[in-house]
All heavy atoms as atom14 arrays in JSON, in Angstrom:
{
  "sequence": "FDALLESLDESPIPSAEGRPDVNLEIAINGVIQAMYTEGRWSALE",
  "atom14_mask": [
    [1, 1, 1, 1, 1, 1, 1, 1, 1, 1, 1, 0, 0, 0],
    [1, 1, 1, 1, 1, 1, 1, 1, 0, 0, 0, 0, 0, 0],
    [1, 1, 1, 1, 1, 0, 0, 0, 0, 0, 0, 0, 0, 0],
    [1, 1, 1, 1, 1, 1, 1, 1, 0, 0, 0, 0, 0, 0],
    [1, 1, 1, 1, 1, 1, 1, 1, 0, 0, 0, 0, 0, 0],
    [1, 1, 1, 1, 1, 1, 1, 1, 1, 0, 0, 0, 0, 0],
    [1, 1, 1, 1, 1, 1, 0, 0, 0, 0, 0, 0, 0, 0],
    [1, 1, 1, 1, 1, 1, 1, 1, 0, 0, 0, 0, 0, 0],
    [1, 1, 1, 1, 1, 1, 1, 1, 0, 0, 0, 0, 0, 0],
    [1, 1, 1, 1, 1, 1, 1, 1, 1, 0, 0, 0, 0, 0],
    [1, 1, 1, 1, 1, 1, 0, 0, 0, 0, 0, 0, 0, 0],
    [1, 1, 1, 1, 1, 1, 1, 0, 0, 0, 0, 0, 0, 0],
    [1, 1, 1, 1, 1, 1, 1, 1, 0, 0, 0, 0, 0, 0],
    [1, 1, 1, 1, 1, 1, 1, 0, 0, 0, 0, 0, 0, 0],
    [1, 1, 1, 1, 1, 1, 0, 0, 0, 0, 0, 0, 0, 0],
    [1, 1, 1, 1, 1, 0, 0, 0, 0, 0, 0, 0, 0, 0],
    [1, 1, 1, 1, 1, 1, 1, 1, 1, 0, 0, 0, 0, 0],
    [1, 1, 1, 1, 0, 0, 0, 0, 0, 0, 0, 0, 0, 0],
    [1, 1, 1, 1, 1, 1, 1, 1, 1, 1, 1, 0, 0, 0],
    [1, 1, 1, 1, 1, 1, 1, 0, 0, 0, 0, 0, 0, 0],
    [1, 1, 1, 1, 1, 1, 1, 1, 0, 0, 0, 0, 0, 0],
    [1, 1, 1, 1, 1, 1, 1, 0, 0, 0, 0, 0, 0, 0],
    [1, 1, 1, 1, 1, 1, 1, 1, 0, 0, 0, 0, 0, 0],
    [1, 1, 1, 1, 1, 1, 1, 1, 0, 0, 0, 0, 0, 0],
    [1, 1, 1, 1, 1, 1, 1, 1, 1, 0, 0, 0, 0, 0],
    [1, 1, 1, 1, 1, 1, 1, 1, 0, 0, 0, 0, 0, 0],
    [1, 1, 1, 1, 1, 0, 0, 0, 0, 0, 0, 0, 0, 0],
    [1, 1, 1, 1, 1, 1, 1, 1, 0, 0, 0, 0, 0, 0],
    [1, 1, 1, 1, 1, 1, 1, 1, 0, 0, 0, 0, 0, 0],
    [1, 1, 1, 1, 0, 0, 0, 0, 0, 0, 0, 0, 0, 0],
    [1, 1, 1, 1, 1, 1, 1, 0, 0, 0, 0, 0, 0, 0],
    [1, 1, 1, 1, 1, 1, 1, 1, 0, 0, 0, 0, 0, 0],
    [1, 1, 1, 1, 1, 1, 1, 1, 1, 0, 0, 0, 0, 0],
    [1, 1, 1, 1, 1, 0, 0, 0, 0, 0, 0, 0, 0, 0],
    [1, 1, 1, 1, 1, 1, 1, 1, 0, 0, 0, 0, 0, 0],
    [1, 1, 1, 1, 1, 1, 1, 1, 1, 1, 1, 1, 0, 0],
    [1, 1, 1, 1, 1, 1, 1, 0, 0, 0, 0, 0, 0, 0],
    [1, 1, 1, 1, 1, 1, 1, 1, 1, 0, 0, 0, 0, 0],
    [1, 1, 1, 1, 0, 0, 0, 0, 0, 0, 0, 0, 0, 0],
    [1, 1, 1, 1, 1, 1, 1, 1, 1, 1, 1, 0, 0, 0],
    [1, 1, 1, 1, 1, 1, 1, 1, 1, 1, 1, 1, 1, 1],
    [1, 1, 1, 1, 1, 1, 0, 0, 0, 0, 0, 0, 0, 0],
    [1, 1, 1, 1, 1, 0, 0, 0, 0, 0, 0, 0, 0, 0],
    [1, 1, 1, 1, 1, 1, 1, 1, 0, 0, 0, 0, 0, 0],
    [1, 1, 1, 1, 1, 1, 1, 1, 1, 0, 0, 0, 0, 0]
  ],
  "atom14_positions": [
    [[-1.93, -5.76, 12.95], [-1.48, -4.45, 13.42], [-0.36, -4.73, 14.44], [0.69, -4.01, 14.37], [-2.78, -3.74, 14.06], [-2.35, -2.44, 14.67], [-2.37, -1.27, 13.92], [-1.94, -2.2, 15.94], [-2.06, -0.03, 14.41], [-1.68, -1.0, 16.5], [-1.7, 0.08, 15.67], [0.0, 0.0, 0.0], [0.0, 0.0, 0.0], [0.0, 0.0, 0.0]],
    [[-0.56, -5.63, 15.42], [0.4, -5.85, 16.42], [1.7, -6.37, 15.82], [2.86, -5.9, 16.18], [-0.12, -6.89, 17.43], [-1.3, -6.43, 18.18], [-1.49, -5.3, 18.3], [-2.02, -7.35, 18.72], [0.0, 0.0, 0.0], [0.0, 0.0, 0.0], [0.0, 0.0, 0.0], [0.0, 0.0, 0.0], [0.0, 0.0, 0.0], [0.0, 0.0, 0.0]],
    [[1.57, -7.13, 14.79], [2.83, -7.69, 14.01], [3.65, -6.56, 13.34], [4.78, -6.42, 13.37], [2.49, -8.79, 13.18], [0.0, 0.0, 0.0], [0.0, 0.0, 0.0], [0.0, 0.0, 0.0], [0.0, 0.0, 0.0], [0.0, 0.0, 0.0], [0.0, 0.0, 0.0], [0.0, 0.0, 0.0], [0.0, 0.0, 0.0], [0.0, 0.0, 0.0]],
    [[2.77, -5.62, 12.72], [3.33, -4.58, 12.0], [4.17, -3.61, 12.97], [5.27, -3.24, 12.55], [2.3, -3.78, 11.15], [2.72, -2.57, 10.55], [3.75, -2.76, 9.48], [1.53, -1.83, 9.87], [0.0, 0.0, 0.0], [0.0, 0.0, 0.0], [0.0, 0.0, 0.0], [0.0, 0.0, 0.0], [0.0, 0.0, 0.0], [0.0, 0.0, 0.0]],
    [[3.47, -3.15, 14.0], [4.23, -2.24, 14.89], [5.33, -2.84, 15.55], [6.48, -2.11, 15.82], [3.19, -1.75, 15.84], [2.58, -0.29, 15.54], [1.71, -0.48, 14.22], [1.77, 0.32, 16.6], [0.0, 0.0, 0.0], [0.0, 0.0, 0.0], [0.0, 0.0, 0.0], [0.0, 0.0, 0.0], [0.0, 0.0, 0.0], [0.0, 0.0, 0.0]],
    [[5.37, -4.05, 15.83], [6.5, -4.81, 16.35], [7.66, -4.87, 15.43], [8.75, -4.54, 15.73], [6.05, -6.24, 16.89], [7.27, -6.98, 17.59], [6.98, -8.33, 17.95], [5.75, -8.74, 17.83], [7.87, -9.02, 18.4], [0.0, 0.0, 0.0], [0.0, 0.0, 0.0], [0.0, 0.0, 0.0], [0.0, 0.0, 0.0], [0.0, 0.0, 0.0]],
    [[7.36, -5.07, 14.12], [8.3, -5.13, 13.11], [9.01, -3.72, 12.84], [10.19, -3.5, 12.68], [7.72, -5.7, 11.85], [6.88, -4.7, 11.24], [0.0, 0.0, 0.0], [0.0, 0.0, 0.0], [0.0, 0.0, 0.0], [0.0, 0.0, 0.0], [0.0, 0.0, 0.0], [0.0, 0.0, 0.0], [0.0, 0.0, 0.0], [0.0, 0.0, 0.0]],
    [[8.12, -2.57, 12.92], [8.62, -1.29, 12.78], [9.5, -0.87, 13.84], [10.43, -0.03, 13.63], [7.38, -0.32, 12.71], [6.57, -0.4, 11.37], [5.35, 0.55, 11.38], [7.39, -0.19, 10.11], [0.0, 0.0, 0.0], [0.0, 0.0, 0.0], [0.0, 0.0, 0.0], [0.0, 0.0, 0.0], [0.0, 0.0, 0.0], [0.0, 0.0, 0.0]],
    [[9.25, -1.41, 15.11], [10.17, -1.13, 16.14], [11.46, -1.72, 15.89], [12.6, -1.05, 16.26], [9.56, -1.57, 17.45], [10.23, -1.01, 18.75], [10.83, 0.01, 18.55], [10.11, -1.68, 19.74], [0.0, 0.0, 0.0], [0.0, 0.0, 0.0], [0.0, 0.0, 0.0], [0.0, 0.0, 0.0], [0.0, 0.0, 0.0], [0.0, 0.0, 0.0]],
    [[11.65, -2.74, 15.25], [12.87, -3.44, 15.06], [13.44, -3.1, 13.69], [14.63, -2.81, 13.56], [12.64, -4.97, 14.95], [12.11, -5.49, 16.31], [13.19, -5.47, 17.43], [14.47, -5.46, 16.98], [12.81, -5.25, 18.61], [0.0, 0.0, 0.0], [0.0, 0.0, 0.0], [0.0, 0.0, 0.0], [0.0, 0.0, 0.0], [0.0, 0.0, 0.0]],
    [[12.59, -2.9, 12.65], [13.19, -2.62, 11.36], [12.37, -1.48, 10.68], [11.29, -1.86, 9.91], [13.21, -3.83, 10.52], [13.94, -4.9, 11.11], [0.0, 0.0, 0.0], [0.0, 0.0, 0.0], [0.0, 0.0, 0.0], [0.0, 0.0, 0.0], [0.0, 0.0, 0.0], [0.0, 0.0, 0.0], [0.0, 0.0, 0.0], [0.0, 0.0, 0.0]],
    [[12.63, -0.26, 10.74], [11.87, 0.82, 10.11], [11.87, 0.59, 8.55], [12.73, -0.05, 8.04], [12.57, 2.1, 10.5], [13.26, 1.76, 11.8], [13.74, 0.38, 11.6], [0.0, 0.0, 0.0], [0.0, 0.0, 0.0], [0.0, 0.0, 0.0], [0.0, 0.0, 0.0], [0.0, 0.0, 0.0], [0.0, 0.0, 0.0], [0.0, 0.0, 0.0]],
    [[10.84, 1.13, 7.93], [10.71, 0.96, 6.43], [10.77, 2.38, 5.84], [10.6, 3.43, 6.43], [9.28, 0.36, 6.06], [8.23, 1.21, 6.67], [9.3, -1.08, 6.66], [6.77, 0.72, 6.22], [0.0, 0.0, 0.0], [0.0, 0.0, 0.0], [0.0, 0.0, 0.0], [0.0, 0.0, 0.0], [0.0, 0.0, 0.0], [0.0, 0.0, 0.0]],
    [[11.14, 2.32, 4.54], [11.26, 3.66, 3.72], [10.0, 4.36, 3.6], [8.99, 3.88, 3.7], [11.8, 3.24, 2.41], [12.31, 1.81, 2.55], [11.55, 1.19, 3.61], [0.0, 0.0, 0.0], [0.0, 0.0, 0.0], [0.0, 0.0, 0.0], [0.0, 0.0, 0.0], [0.0, 0.0, 0.0], [0.0, 0.0, 0.0], [0.0, 0.0, 0.0]],
    [[10.22, 5.71, 3.7], [9.04, 6.59, 3.52], [9.02, 7.54, 2.31], [8.34, 7.19, 1.26], [8.89, 7.48, 4.8], [10.08, 8.33, 4.93], [0.0, 0.0, 0.0], [0.0, 0.0, 0.0], [0.0, 0.0, 0.0], [0.0, 0.0, 0.0], [0.0, 0.0, 0.0], [0.0, 0.0, 0.0], [0.0, 0.0, 0.0], [0.0, 0.0, 0.0]],
    [[9.77, 8.53, 2.29], [9.89, 9.42, 1.12], [11.38, 9.97, 1.13], [12.06, 10.03, 2.13], [8.93, 10.55, 1.27], [0.0, 0.0, 0.0], [0.0, 0.0, 0.0], [0.0, 0.0, 0.0], [0.0, 0.0, 0.0], [0.0, 0.0, 0.0], [0.0, 0.0, 0.0], [0.0, 0.0, 0.0], [0.0, 0.0, 0.0], [0.0, 0.0, 0.0]],
    [[11.79, 10.42, -0.01], [13.2, 10.89, -0.28], [13.46, 12.06, 0.56], [12.66, 13.02, 0.69], [13.33, 11.31, -1.7], [14.73, 11.79, -2.0], [14.98, 12.16, -3.46], [14.08, 11.98, -4.25], [16.09, 12.61, -3.73], [0.0, 0.0, 0.0], [0.0, 0.0, 0.0], [0.0, 0.0, 0.0], [0.0, 0.0, 0.0], [0.0, 0.0, 0.0]],
    [[14.49, 12.0, 1.38], [14.93, 13.1, 2.32], [14.24, 12.99, 3.69], [14.42, 13.89, 4.51], [0.0, 0.0, 0.0], [0.0, 0.0, 0.0], [0.0, 0.0, 0.0], [0.0, 0.0, 0.0], [0.0, 0.0, 0.0], [0.0, 0.0, 0.0], [0.0, 0.0, 0.0], [0.0, 0.0, 0.0], [0.0, 0.0, 0.0], [0.0, 0.0, 0.0]],
    [[13.3, 12.09, 3.84], [12.59, 11.99, 5.1], [12.98, 10.65, 5.82], [13.53, 9.78, 5.32], [11.08, 11.94, 4.87], [10.53, 13.19, 4.17], [10.8, 14.45, 4.92], [10.24, 14.4, 6.31], [8.96, 14.47, 6.57], [7.97, 14.55, 5.63], [8.45, 14.42, 7.81], [0.0, 0.0, 0.0], [0.0, 0.0, 0.0], [0.0, 0.0, 0.0]],
    [[12.84, 10.66, 7.21], [13.21, 9.53, 7.93], [12.43, 8.27, 7.58], [11.26, 8.39, 7.13], [12.98, 9.9, 9.47], [11.92, 10.99, 9.27], [12.11, 11.74, 8.03], [0.0, 0.0, 0.0], [0.0, 0.0, 0.0], [0.0, 0.0, 0.0], [0.0, 0.0, 0.0], [0.0, 0.0, 0.0], [0.0, 0.0, 0.0], [0.0, 0.0, 0.0]],
    [[13.02, 7.09, 7.83], [12.17, 5.9, 7.72], [11.1, 5.83, 8.61], [11.17, 6.48, 9.78], [13.12, 4.67, 7.85], [14.11, 4.44, 6.76], [14.01, 5.07, 5.7], [15.09, 3.73, 6.87], [0.0, 0.0, 0.0], [0.0, 0.0, 0.0], [0.0, 0.0, 0.0], [0.0, 0.0, 0.0], [0.0, 0.0, 0.0], [0.0, 0.0, 0.0]],
    [[10.11, 5.06, 8.46], [8.92, 4.94, 9.4], [9.3, 4.04, 10.47], [9.39, 2.79, 10.13], [7.63, 4.49, 8.63], [6.46, 4.34, 9.59], [7.19, 5.71, 7.67], [0.0, 0.0, 0.0], [0.0, 0.0, 0.0], [0.0, 0.0, 0.0], [0.0, 0.0, 0.0], [0.0, 0.0, 0.0], [0.0, 0.0, 0.0], [0.0, 0.0, 0.0]],
    [[9.4, 4.35, 11.66], [9.65, 3.64, 12.73], [8.48, 3.55, 13.64], [7.38, 3.93, 13.28], [10.95, 4.19, 13.57], [10.66, 5.62, 14.05], [9.55, 6.16, 13.88], [11.73, 6.16, 14.67], [0.0, 0.0, 0.0], [0.0, 0.0, 0.0], [0.0, 0.0, 0.0], [0.0, 0.0, 0.0], [0.0, 0.0, 0.0], [0.0, 0.0, 0.0]],
    [[8.52, 3.08, 14.76], [7.48, 2.91, 15.76], [6.86, 4.12, 16.17], [5.68, 4.38, 16.17], [7.78, 2.1, 16.99], [6.71, 1.8, 17.95], [5.54, 1.01, 17.36], [7.32, 1.07, 19.2], [0.0, 0.0, 0.0], [0.0, 0.0, 0.0], [0.0, 0.0, 0.0], [0.0, 0.0, 0.0], [0.0, 0.0, 0.0], [0.0, 0.0, 0.0]],
    [[7.67, 5.2, 16.38], [7.21, 6.49, 16.79], [6.44, 7.23, 15.72], [5.36, 7.63, 15.95], [8.5, 7.42, 17.13], [8.05, 8.91, 17.67], [9.26, 9.79, 17.9], [10.31, 9.54, 17.27], [9.14, 10.56, 18.82], [0.0, 0.0, 0.0], [0.0, 0.0, 0.0], [0.0, 0.0, 0.0], [0.0, 0.0, 0.0], [0.0, 0.0, 0.0]],
    [[6.89, 7.2, 14.5], [6.1, 7.73, 13.35], [4.8, 7.05, 13.25], [3.77, 7.59, 12.98], [6.99, 7.78, 12.15], [8.13, 8.74, 12.33], [6.16, 8.14, 10.84], [9.08, 8.78, 11.01], [0.0, 0.0, 0.0], [0.0, 0.0, 0.0], [0.0, 0.0, 0.0], [0.0, 0.0, 0.0], [0.0, 0.0, 0.0], [0.0, 0.0, 0.0]],
    [[4.83, 5.7, 13.22], [3.63, 4.94, 13.01], [2.58, 5.37, 14.14], [1.31, 5.45, 13.92], [3.92, 3.44, 13.17], [0.0, 0.0, 0.0], [0.0, 0.0, 0.0], [0.0, 0.0, 0.0], [0.0, 0.0, 0.0], [0.0, 0.0, 0.0], [0.0, 0.0, 0.0], [0.0, 0.0, 0.0], [0.0, 0.0, 0.0], [0.0, 0.0, 0.0]],
    [[3.06, 5.31, 15.44], [2.13, 5.75, 16.49], [1.45, 7.13, 16.31], [0.24, 7.26, 16.44], [2.79, 5.6, 17.83], [3.0, 4.21, 18.17], [2.0, 6.33, 18.98], [4.04, 3.99, 19.42], [0.0, 0.0, 0.0], [0.0, 0.0, 0.0], [0.0, 0.0, 0.0], [0.0, 0.0, 0.0], [0.0, 0.0, 0.0], [0.0, 0.0, 0.0]],
    [[2.31, 8.08, 15.93], [1.79, 9.45, 15.66], [0.72, 9.34, 14.5], [-0.3, 10.08, 14.6], [2.9, 10.33, 15.27], [3.86, 10.58, 16.49], [3.39, 10.39, 17.67], [5.09, 10.91, 16.17], [0.0, 0.0, 0.0], [0.0, 0.0, 0.0], [0.0, 0.0, 0.0], [0.0, 0.0, 0.0], [0.0, 0.0, 0.0], [0.0, 0.0, 0.0]],
    [[0.98, 8.69, 13.47], [0.08, 8.6, 12.37], [-1.24, 7.95, 12.72], [-2.3, 8.46, 12.28], [0.0, 0.0, 0.0], [0.0, 0.0, 0.0], [0.0, 0.0, 0.0], [0.0, 0.0, 0.0], [0.0, 0.0, 0.0], [0.0, 0.0, 0.0], [0.0, 0.0, 0.0], [0.0, 0.0, 0.0], [0.0, 0.0, 0.0], [0.0, 0.0, 0.0]],
    [[-1.29, 6.88, 13.58], [-2.4, 6.24, 13.97], [-3.27, 7.14, 14.86], [-4.42, 7.32, 14.78], [-2.14, 4.86, 14.65], [-3.43, 4.3, 15.21], [-1.49, 3.97, 13.6], [0.0, 0.0, 0.0], [0.0, 0.0, 0.0], [0.0, 0.0, 0.0], [0.0, 0.0, 0.0], [0.0, 0.0, 0.0], [0.0, 0.0, 0.0], [0.0, 0.0, 0.0]],
    [[-2.54, 7.86, 15.78], [-3.26, 8.72, 16.74], [-3.95, 9.83, 15.93], [-5.08, 10.17, 16.13], [-2.23, 9.46, 17.7], [-1.82, 8.38, 18.77], [-2.78, 10.73, 18.36], [-0.7, 8.88, 19.72], [0.0, 0.0, 0.0], [0.0, 0.0, 0.0], [0.0, 0.0, 0.0], [0.0, 0.0, 0.0], [0.0, 0.0, 0.0], [0.0, 0.0, 0.0]],
    [[-3.29, 10.38, 14.85], [-3.9, 11.44, 13.98], [-5.18, 10.84, 13.41], [-6.21, 11.5, 13.3], [-2.95, 11.77, 12.81], [-3.45, 12.7, 11.87], [-3.83, 14.13, 12.38], [-3.8, 14.41, 13.54], [-4.09, 15.03, 11.34], [0.0, 0.0, 0.0], [0.0, 0.0, 0.0], [0.0, 0.0, 0.0], [0.0, 0.0, 0.0], [0.0, 0.0, 0.0]],
    [[-5.28, 9.65, 12.96], [-6.33, 8.98, 12.28], [-7.48, 8.72, 13.22], [-8.67, 8.62, 12.86], [-6.07, 7.65, 11.53], [0.0, 0.0, 0.0], [0.0, 0.0, 0.0], [0.0, 0.0, 0.0], [0.0, 0.0, 0.0], [0.0, 0.0, 0.0], [0.0, 0.0, 0.0], [0.0, 0.0, 0.0], [0.0, 0.0, 0.0], [0.0, 0.0, 0.0]],
    [[-7.16, 8.59, 14.56], [-8.31, 8.3, 15.52], [-9.09, 9.47, 15.81], [-10.3, 9.33, 16.48], [-7.56, 7.7, 16.86], [-6.84, 6.46, 16.72], [-7.94, 5.1, 16.23], [-7.7, 4.98, 14.45], [0.0, 0.0, 0.0], [0.0, 0.0, 0.0], [0.0, 0.0, 0.0], [0.0, 0.0, 0.0], [0.0, 0.0, 0.0], [0.0, 0.0, 0.0]],
    [[-8.79, 10.69, 15.5], [-9.58, 11.79, 15.89], [-11.0, 11.74, 15.23], [-11.96, 12.39, 15.92], [-8.91, 13.11, 15.49], [-7.89, 13.47, 16.63], [-6.47, 13.12, 16.49], [-8.21, 14.15, 17.86], [-5.6, 13.5, 17.28], [-7.27, 14.45, 18.75], [-6.0, 14.15, 18.51], [-5.06, 14.35, 19.51], [0.0, 0.0, 0.0], [0.0, 0.0, 0.0]],
    [[-11.16, 11.22, 14.1], [-12.43, 11.2, 13.4], [-12.46, 9.95, 12.49], [-11.43, 9.59, 11.92], [-12.75, 12.44, 12.65], [-13.8, 12.25, 11.86], [-11.57, 12.83, 11.72], [0.0, 0.0, 0.0], [0.0, 0.0, 0.0], [0.0, 0.0, 0.0], [0.0, 0.0, 0.0], [0.0, 0.0, 0.0], [0.0, 0.0, 0.0], [0.0, 0.0, 0.0]],
    [[-13.66, 9.3, 12.28], [-13.8, 8.17, 11.46], [-13.5, 8.55, 10.07], [-13.28, 7.76, 9.21], [-15.26, 7.75, 11.47], [-15.48, 6.84, 12.67], [-16.96, 6.28, 12.57], [-17.86, 6.99, 12.89], [-16.99, 4.99, 12.29], [0.0, 0.0, 0.0], [0.0, 0.0, 0.0], [0.0, 0.0, 0.0], [0.0, 0.0, 0.0], [0.0, 0.0, 0.0]],
    [[-13.56, 9.95, 9.63], [-13.25, 10.36, 8.35], [-11.83, 10.01, 7.87], [-11.54, 9.99, 6.59], [0.0, 0.0, 0.0], [0.0, 0.0, 0.0], [0.0, 0.0, 0.0], [0.0, 0.0, 0.0], [0.0, 0.0, 0.0], [0.0, 0.0, 0.0], [0.0, 0.0, 0.0], [0.0, 0.0, 0.0], [0.0, 0.0, 0.0], [0.0, 0.0, 0.0]],
    [[-10.98, 9.76, 8.76], [-9.58, 9.37, 8.39], [-9.33, 7.88, 8.39], [-8.12, 7.4, 8.1], [-8.53, 10.1, 9.38], [-8.71, 11.6, 9.43], [-7.57, 12.26, 10.1], [-7.65, 13.64, 10.13], [-7.84, 14.41, 11.25], [-7.78, 13.78, 12.42], [-8.0, 15.69, 11.25], [0.0, 0.0, 0.0], [0.0, 0.0, 0.0], [0.0, 0.0, 0.0]],
    [[-10.34, 7.08, 8.82], [-10.0, 5.59, 8.93], [-9.78, 4.98, 7.55], [-8.9, 4.04, 7.62], [-11.25, 4.98, 9.62], [-11.43, 5.29, 11.08], [-10.68, 6.25, 11.74], [-12.34, 4.7, 11.95], [-11.07, 6.23, 13.09], [-11.96, 5.31, 13.25], [-13.16, 3.69, 11.9], [-12.75, 4.95, 14.4], [-13.89, 3.36, 13.1], [-13.57, 3.94, 14.28]],
    [[-10.34, 5.55, 6.44], [-10.05, 4.7, 5.23], [-8.6, 5.06, 4.77], [-7.92, 4.1, 4.26], [-11.0, 5.3, 4.12], [-10.87, 6.65, 3.85], [0.0, 0.0, 0.0], [0.0, 0.0, 0.0], [0.0, 0.0, 0.0], [0.0, 0.0, 0.0], [0.0, 0.0, 0.0], [0.0, 0.0, 0.0], [0.0, 0.0, 0.0], [0.0, 0.0, 0.0]],
    [[-8.14, 6.27, 5.22], [-6.73, 6.57, 4.84], [-5.86, 5.7, 5.67], [-4.71, 5.2, 5.19], [-6.43, 8.02, 5.07], [0.0, 0.0, 0.0], [0.0, 0.0, 0.0], [0.0, 0.0, 0.0], [0.0, 0.0, 0.0], [0.0, 0.0, 0.0], [0.0, 0.0, 0.0], [0.0, 0.0, 0.0], [0.0, 0.0, 0.0], [0.0, 0.0, 0.0]],
    [[-6.17, 5.5, 6.93], [-5.37, 4.67, 7.78], [-5.31, 3.19, 7.34], [-4.2, 2.57, 7.34], [-5.84, 4.7, 9.27], [-5.18, 3.82, 10.26], [-3.67, 4.29, 10.38], [-5.69, 3.92, 11.58], [0.0, 0.0, 0.0], [0.0, 0.0, 0.0], [0.0, 0.0, 0.0], [0.0, 0.0, 0.0], [0.0, 0.0, 0.0], [0.0, 0.0, 0.0]],
    [[-6.49, 2.72, 6.89], [-6.47, 1.29, 6.36], [-5.41, 1.18, 5.15], [-4.65, 0.18, 5.23], [-7.91, 0.94, 5.74], [-8.98, 0.92, 6.58], [-10.34, 0.82, 5.92], [-10.24, 0.41, 4.58], [-11.47, 1.03, 6.47], [0.0, 0.0, 0.0], [0.0, 0.0, 0.0], [0.0, 0.0, 0.0], [0.0, 0.0, 0.0], [0.0, 0.0, 0.0]]
  ]
}
């Protein structure tokens, strides 16, 4: 996890057509969303 977020801060990765690449900000927001309930943990994995 630590290595992934460090890499996203340096080199964002493609997401979807017409949408921004996934950078550190988008990754953090996504992880925060998954933390609200264990029901989202499998999607986060």
